[in-house]
Amino acid sequence: MVREQRLIEVFVELADTLVEQFDVVGLLQTLTERCVDLVDTDAAGLLLDDQRGNLRLIAHTHESARLLELFELQQQEGPCLDYFATGQVIANIDLATATDRWPVFTRAAREVGFGTSHAVPLRLRQQVIGALNLFRAERRPLSDNDLAVAQGLAGIATIGLLHERASATRSCSPSSCKPPCTAGSSSSRRKASCRPRPEQAWRRPSPSCAPTPAAPDNR
């Protein structure tokens, strides 16, 4: 009964964050921390699609999870990347026996003390926008109830993120959405201004926000 009460409180907490112009990074950090609190796991990290074909680390609970997620992205090998590419849920991964599939990732995960991993999607219907990696030290699977809780929390966050992105696209106009890179800016300034902040990385620019092509020089 205590867990059910805590679960209700967490669902309310996540729902309360879904206000207009909410903090995307804050929402995902809360989701990541609460999953570890409620589900029988020891650490978690969350990767989010930046809508440009790249996954980026947005939230984590422990330094070991952060390093492992960054290593997964650097090596381009691991359960989150496979899930994102195939759309298949990957759970209850025994890191001692999955060496053929992910030799580099499993070795790194065991070195930081993890025995089992689970990849939970951030998905609405067929649209996948990220994945939540859950890690535990022991080599034993999650229960069906724990997996359902993690998927439910991820689902709430997904709906909020997609709704916020749609709202941002509708409210965007050419006058309010200036191109981040202007002609005449230096190369270093252009690179810095074009790099999306974490809370913006998952948004897809609307057509009205795209930079207007420069007129041809007829001189």
Protein backbone atom coordinates (compact mmCIF):
# COMPACT_ATOMS: atom_id res chain seq x y z
CA MET A 1 0.00 0.00 0.00
CA VAL A 2 2.90 2.32 0.71
CA ARG A 3 4.25 1.85 -2.82
CA GLU A 4 0.83 2.49 -4.39
CA GLN A 5 0.53 5.74 -2.44
CA ARG A 6 4.01 6.79 -3.49
CA LEU A 7 3.21 5.96 -7.11
CA ILE A 8 0.12 8.18 -7.02
CA GLU A 9 2.19 11.01 -5.56
CA VAL A 10 4.79 10.68 -8.32
CA PHE A 11 2.16 10.68 -11.09
CA VAL A 12 0.70 13.86 -9.58
CA GLU A 13 4.18 15.37 -9.30
CA LEU A 14 4.91 14.70 -12.97
CA ALA A 15 1.50 16.01 -14.04
CA ASP A 16 2.07 19.21 -12.06
CA THR A 17 5.24 19.92 -14.03
CA LEU A 18 3.37 19.86 -17.34
CA VAL A 19 2.45 23.52 -17.27
CA GLU A 20 2.96 26.03 -20.06
CA GLN A 21 6.65 26.42 -20.96
CA PHE A 22 7.71 23.85 -18.40
CA ASP A 23 11.34 22.94 -17.77
CA VAL A 24 12.03 20.00 -20.08
CA VAL A 25 15.30 19.01 -18.44
CA GLY A 26 13.71 19.29 -14.99
CA LEU A 27 10.84 17.02 -16.02
CA LEU A 28 13.17 14.35 -17.38
CA GLN A 29 15.46 14.54 -14.36
CA THR A 30 12.44 14.04 -12.10
CA LEU A 31 11.28 11.10 -14.21
CA THR A 32 14.71 9.48 -14.02
CA GLU A 33 15.03 9.89 -10.26
CA ARG A 34 11.49 8.71 -9.50
CA CYS A 35 11.93 5.58 -11.63
CA VAL A 36 14.87 4.55 -9.47
CA ASP A 37 12.84 5.34 -6.33
CA LEU A 38 9.83 3.28 -7.39
CA VAL A 39 11.35 0.50 -9.46
CA ASP A 40 13.79 -2.09 -8.13
CA THR A 41 16.86 -0.55 -9.79
CA ASP A 42 20.02 1.23 -8.66
CA ALA A 43 20.66 3.89 -11.32
CA ALA A 44 19.20 5.36 -14.50
CA GLY A 45 20.06 7.55 -17.45
CA LEU A 46 17.82 9.10 -20.09
CA LEU A 47 18.66 9.65 -23.75
CA LEU A 48 16.53 11.97 -25.88
CA ASP A 49 16.27 12.35 -29.64
CA ASP A 50 17.30 15.85 -30.74
CA GLN A 51 15.06 15.53 -33.84
CA ARG A 52 18.18 15.62 -35.99
CA GLY A 53 18.83 11.92 -35.82
CA ASN A 54 21.01 12.00 -32.71
CA LEU A 55 20.45 10.77 -29.17
CA ARG A 56 21.75 12.97 -26.35
CA LEU A 57 22.13 12.36 -22.64
CA ILE A 58 19.64 14.61 -20.83
CA ALA A 59 19.27 13.17 -17.30
CA HIS A 60 20.93 10.68 -14.97
CA THR A 61 20.84 9.66 -11.31
CA HIS A 62 24.42 8.63 -10.62
CA GLU A 63 27.85 9.39 -12.05
CA SER A 64 28.27 5.74 -13.06
CA ALA A 65 25.08 5.92 -15.14
CA ARG A 66 26.17 9.20 -16.73
CA LEU A 67 29.55 7.80 -17.75
CA LEU A 68 28.03 4.60 -19.09
CA GLU A 69 25.43 6.46 -21.17
CA LEU A 70 28.06 8.77 -22.63
CA PHE A 71 30.22 5.74 -23.40
CA GLU A 72 27.24 4.11 -25.14
CA LEU A 73 26.79 7.18 -27.33
CA GLN A 74 30.50 7.45 -28.05
CA GLN A 75 30.84 3.80 -29.02
CA GLN A 76 27.46 3.70 -30.79
CA GLU A 77 26.71 0.39 -29.11
CA GLY A 78 24.13 -0.51 -26.46
CA PRO A 79 20.50 -1.40 -25.73
CA CYS A 80 19.15 2.16 -25.93
CA LEU A 81 20.60 2.65 -29.39
CA ASP A 82 19.25 -0.69 -30.57
CA TYR A 83 15.81 0.08 -29.22
CA PHE A 84 15.77 3.47 -30.89
CA ALA A 85 16.81 1.94 -34.21
CA THR A 86 14.40 -1.01 -34.16
CA GLY A 87 11.50 0.16 -31.99
CA GLN A 88 11.73 -3.01 -29.90
CA VAL A 89 11.53 -2.97 -26.11
CA ILE A 90 14.67 -4.43 -24.53
CA ALA A 91 14.36 -5.49 -20.89
CA ASN A 92 16.06 -7.82 -18.41
CA ILE A 93 19.44 -7.76 -20.11
CA ASP A 94 21.94 -9.94 -18.27
CA LEU A 95 25.16 -8.02 -18.80
CA ALA A 96 27.25 -11.13 -18.19
CA THR A 97 25.66 -13.09 -21.04
CA ALA A 98 24.89 -10.34 -23.60
CA THR A 99 28.53 -9.98 -24.59
CA ASP A 100 28.00 -11.22 -28.15
CA ARG A 101 25.43 -8.52 -28.87
CA TRP A 102 27.09 -5.60 -27.05
CA PRO A 103 30.68 -6.61 -26.20
CA VAL A 104 31.95 -3.09 -25.49
CA PHE A 105 28.86 -1.85 -23.61
CA THR A 106 28.50 -4.94 -21.41
CA ARG A 107 32.15 -4.84 -20.40
CA ALA A 108 31.91 -1.16 -19.47
CA ALA A 109 28.66 -1.72 -17.55
CA ARG A 110 30.15 -4.56 -15.51
CA GLU A 111 33.24 -2.48 -14.75
CA VAL A 112 31.09 0.18 -13.05
CA GLY A 113 29.20 -2.46 -11.05
CA PHE A 114 26.02 -3.20 -13.01
CA GLY A 115 24.70 -6.70 -13.62
CA THR A 116 21.38 -6.04 -15.38
CA SER A 117 20.07 -3.35 -17.73
CA HIS A 118 16.65 -2.38 -19.10
CA ALA A 119 15.78 0.03 -21.94
CA VAL A 120 12.34 1.64 -21.53
CA PRO A 121 11.09 3.71 -24.49
CA LEU A 122 9.76 7.23 -24.47
CA ARG A 123 7.10 6.43 -27.02
CA LEU A 124 3.63 7.51 -28.07
CA ARG A 125 2.09 5.03 -30.50
CA GLN A 126 4.75 4.64 -33.21
CA GLN A 127 6.67 7.81 -32.37
CA VAL A 128 9.81 7.21 -30.31
CA ILE A 129 11.59 10.26 -28.89
CA GLY A 130 14.04 8.70 -26.47
CA ALA A 131 14.84 5.87 -24.10
CA LEU A 132 15.31 5.41 -20.37
CA ASN A 133 18.12 3.07 -19.32
CA LEU A 134 17.63 1.39 -15.93
CA PHE A 135 20.52 -0.39 -14.25
CA ARG A 136 20.77 -2.69 -11.26
CA ALA A 137 23.76 -4.26 -9.58
CA GLU A 138 22.19 -7.70 -9.17
CA ARG A 139 21.81 -10.12 -12.04
CA ARG A 140 18.07 -10.68 -11.82
CA PRO A 141 15.13 -9.47 -13.94
CA LEU A 142 12.59 -6.78 -13.17
CA SER A 143 9.10 -7.90 -12.30
CA ASP A 144 6.30 -7.21 -14.76
CA ASN A 145 4.85 -4.69 -12.28
CA ASP A 146 8.13 -2.78 -12.04
CA LEU A 147 8.45 -2.67 -15.81
CA ALA A 148 4.86 -1.43 -16.13
CA VAL A 149 5.55 1.37 -13.62
CA ALA A 150 8.64 2.49 -15.54
CA GLN A 151 6.73 2.45 -18.83
CA GLY A 152 3.85 4.39 -17.30
CA LEU A 153 6.12 7.14 -15.98
CA ALA A 154 7.95 7.33 -19.30
CA GLY A 155 4.60 7.58 -21.09
CA ILE A 156 3.52 10.61 -19.06
CA ALA A 157 6.79 12.38 -19.83
CA THR A 158 6.49 11.53 -23.52
CA ILE A 159 3.00 12.99 -23.81
CA GLY A 160 4.14 16.16 -22.06
CA LEU A 161 7.18 16.57 -24.29
CA LEU A 162 5.26 16.04 -27.52
CA HIS A 163 2.51 18.41 -26.41
CA GLU A 164 5.03 21.11 -25.52
CA ARG A 165 6.80 20.68 -28.83
CA ALA A 166 3.53 20.97 -30.74
CA SER A 167 2.58 24.09 -28.76
CA ALA A 168 5.97 25.67 -29.44
CA THR A 169 5.60 24.98 -33.16
CA ARG A 170 2.10 26.50 -33.31
CA SER A 171 3.12 29.63 -31.44
CA CYS A 172 6.27 30.16 -33.50
CA SER A 173 6.22 32.96 -36.09
CA PRO A 174 8.90 34.43 -38.37
CA SER A 175 9.11 37.57 -36.22
CA SER A 176 9.49 35.68 -32.95
CA CYS A 177 11.75 32.88 -34.23
CA LYS A 178 14.83 34.47 -35.68
CA PRO A 179 17.37 32.22 -37.37
CA PRO A 180 20.10 31.40 -34.85
CA CYS A 181 22.87 31.81 -37.45
CA THR A 182 23.08 35.10 -39.31
CA ALA A 183 25.14 35.93 -42.35
CA GLY A 184 28.33 37.71 -41.46
CA SER A 185 28.82 35.98 -38.13
CA SER A 186 32.20 34.38 -37.52
CA SER A 187 32.66 30.64 -37.81
CA SER A 188 33.05 30.20 -34.06
CA ARG A 189 29.99 32.32 -33.30
CA ARG A 190 27.99 30.38 -35.88
CA LYS A 191 28.92 27.03 -34.34
CA ALA A 192 28.07 28.18 -30.82
CA SER A 193 24.73 29.73 -31.73
CA CYS A 194 23.65 26.72 -33.79
CA ARG A 195 24.27 24.22 -31.01
CA PRO A 196 20.88 23.47 -29.37
CA ARG A 197 20.55 23.71 -25.61
CA PRO A 198 19.43 20.47 -23.90
CA GLU A 199 15.92 21.74 -23.34
CA GLN A 200 15.64 22.69 -27.04
CA ALA A 201 17.36 19.69 -28.56
CA TRP A 202 14.25 17.52 -28.91
CA ARG A 203 12.15 20.17 -30.67
CA ARG A 204 11.65 20.09 -34.41
CA PRO A 205 11.69 23.61 -35.95
CA SER A 206 8.52 24.49 -37.79
CA PRO A 207 8.71 25.52 -41.46
CA SER A 208 7.86 29.12 -40.52
CA CYS A 209 10.94 29.23 -38.29
CA ALA A 210 13.42 28.18 -40.97
CA PRO A 211 15.97 30.81 -42.07
CA THR A 212 14.95 32.71 -45.20
CA PRO A 213 17.36 32.05 -48.11
CA ALA A 214 19.44 35.08 -49.01
CA ALA A 215 18.60 36.88 -52.25
CA PRO A 216 21.06 36.23 -55.10
CA ASP A 217 23.79 38.80 -55.58
CA ASN A 218 23.29 40.24 -59.09
CA ARG A 219 26.22 42.57 -58.94
